[in-house]
Protein backbone atom coordinates (compact mmCIF):
# COMPACT_ATOMS: atom_id res chain seq x y z
CA UNK A 1 14.50 3.20 13.22
CA UNK A 2 12.16 0.23 13.25
CA UNK A 3 9.78 -0.94 10.58
CA UNK A 4 6.62 1.18 10.40
CA UNK A 5 3.19 0.53 8.99
CA UNK A 6 2.03 2.58 6.04
CA UNK A 7 -0.42 4.33 8.37
CA UNK A 8 2.32 5.27 10.86
CA UNK A 9 4.55 6.68 8.12
CA UNK A 10 1.63 8.53 6.52
CA UNK A 11 0.75 10.17 9.86
CA UNK A 12 4.38 11.13 10.42
CA UNK A 13 4.58 12.77 6.99
CA UNK A 14 1.12 14.33 7.17
CA UNK A 15 -0.09 12.54 4.04
CA UNK A 16 -2.56 9.76 3.30
CA UNK A 17 -1.78 6.07 2.92
CA UNK A 18 -2.99 6.41 -0.67
CA UNK A 19 -0.42 9.15 -1.33
CA UNK A 20 2.35 6.83 -0.19
CA UNK A 21 1.05 3.95 -2.29
CA UNK A 22 0.89 6.18 -5.38
CA UNK A 23 4.52 7.27 -4.91
CA UNK A 24 5.95 3.77 -4.58
CA UNK A 25 6.52 1.72 -7.71
CA UNK A 26 5.76 -2.01 -7.78
CA UNK A 27 9.48 -2.74 -7.93
CA UNK A 28 10.19 -0.68 -4.81
CA UNK A 29 7.14 -2.04 -3.04
CA UNK A 30 8.65 -5.53 -3.34
CA UNK A 31 11.93 -4.28 -1.87
CA UNK A 32 10.57 -2.10 0.96
CA UNK A 33 7.24 -3.57 2.06
CA UNK A 34 6.63 -6.76 4.02
CA UNK A 35 3.43 -8.30 5.32
CA UNK A 36 3.22 -8.42 9.12
CA UNK A 37 -0.06 -10.05 10.12
CA UNK A 38 -2.73 -8.16 8.20
CA UNK A 39 -0.64 -5.00 7.79
CA UNK A 40 2.15 -3.94 5.49
CA UNK A 41 5.27 -2.59 7.15
CA UNK A 42 7.98 -0.53 5.48
CA UNK A 43 11.63 -1.21 6.18
CA UNK A 44 14.13 1.53 7.07
CA UNK A 45 15.44 1.90 3.51
CA UNK A 46 11.91 2.35 2.21
CA UNK A 47 11.02 4.86 4.92
CA UNK A 48 14.02 7.02 4.07
CA UNK A 49 13.26 6.87 0.34
CA UNK A 50 9.57 7.68 0.79
CA UNK A 51 10.35 10.57 3.15
CA UNK A 52 12.74 12.02 0.59
CA UNK A 53 10.06 11.74 -2.12
CA UNK A 54 7.69 13.87 -0.07
CA UNK A 55 10.40 16.31 1.03
CA UNK A 56 11.27 16.99 -2.61
CA UNK A 57 7.57 17.51 -3.45
CA UNK A 58 7.14 19.87 -0.49
CA UNK A 59 10.25 21.85 -1.41
CA UNK A 60 9.00 22.24 -4.99
CA UNK A 61 5.54 23.27 -3.76
CA UNK A 62 7.04 25.85 -1.40
CA UNK A 63 9.15 27.29 -4.23
CA UNK A 64 6.06 27.53 -6.41
CA UNK A 65 4.02 29.18 -3.66
CA UNK A 66 6.78 31.70 -2.95
CA UNK A 67 6.96 32.48 -6.67
CA UNK A 68 3.19 32.99 -6.81
CA UNK A 69 3.29 35.35 -3.83
CA UNK A 70 6.04 37.45 -5.36
CA UNK A 71 4.15 37.68 -8.67
CA UNK A 72 0.97 38.93 -7.03
CA UNK A 73 2.68 41.19 -4.54
CA UNK A 74 3.07 44.06 -6.99
CA UNK A 75 -0.32 43.73 -8.66
CA UNK A 76 -3.18 45.96 -7.60
CA UNK A 77 -6.21 44.11 -6.39
CA UNK A 78 -8.91 44.66 -9.02
CA UNK A 79 -11.54 44.55 -6.30
CA UNK A 80 -10.13 47.61 -4.58
CA UNK A 81 -12.04 50.82 -5.03
CA UNK A 82 -9.97 53.95 -5.31
CA UNK A 83 -10.80 56.78 -2.98
CA UNK A 84 -13.31 59.23 -4.33
CA UNK A 85 -13.80 62.73 -3.02
CA UNK A 86 -17.47 62.83 -2.30
CA UNK A 87 -19.23 66.07 -1.66
CA UNK A 88 -22.85 65.66 -0.72
CA UNK A 89 -25.43 67.69 -2.57
CA UNK A 90 -26.90 70.54 -0.55
């Protein structure tokens, strides 16, 4: 695994560059990021750590979404109209 730019890692993870920058503390930024020309690159240690940050977030989101689906599964949709026997007037 070679150093990657923030943009490359963001595309790989399906997130924005801003999302990555918000996750990384200043302390870790000094350890993992280096300037290469006019771009920042992230070393292998940083890439692994950042990937794990997003994997944990995605796992938690999936658990929450699954929980939400199971909660609503047994509830009747309030927009549903029950069947009515309609007999037209003669």
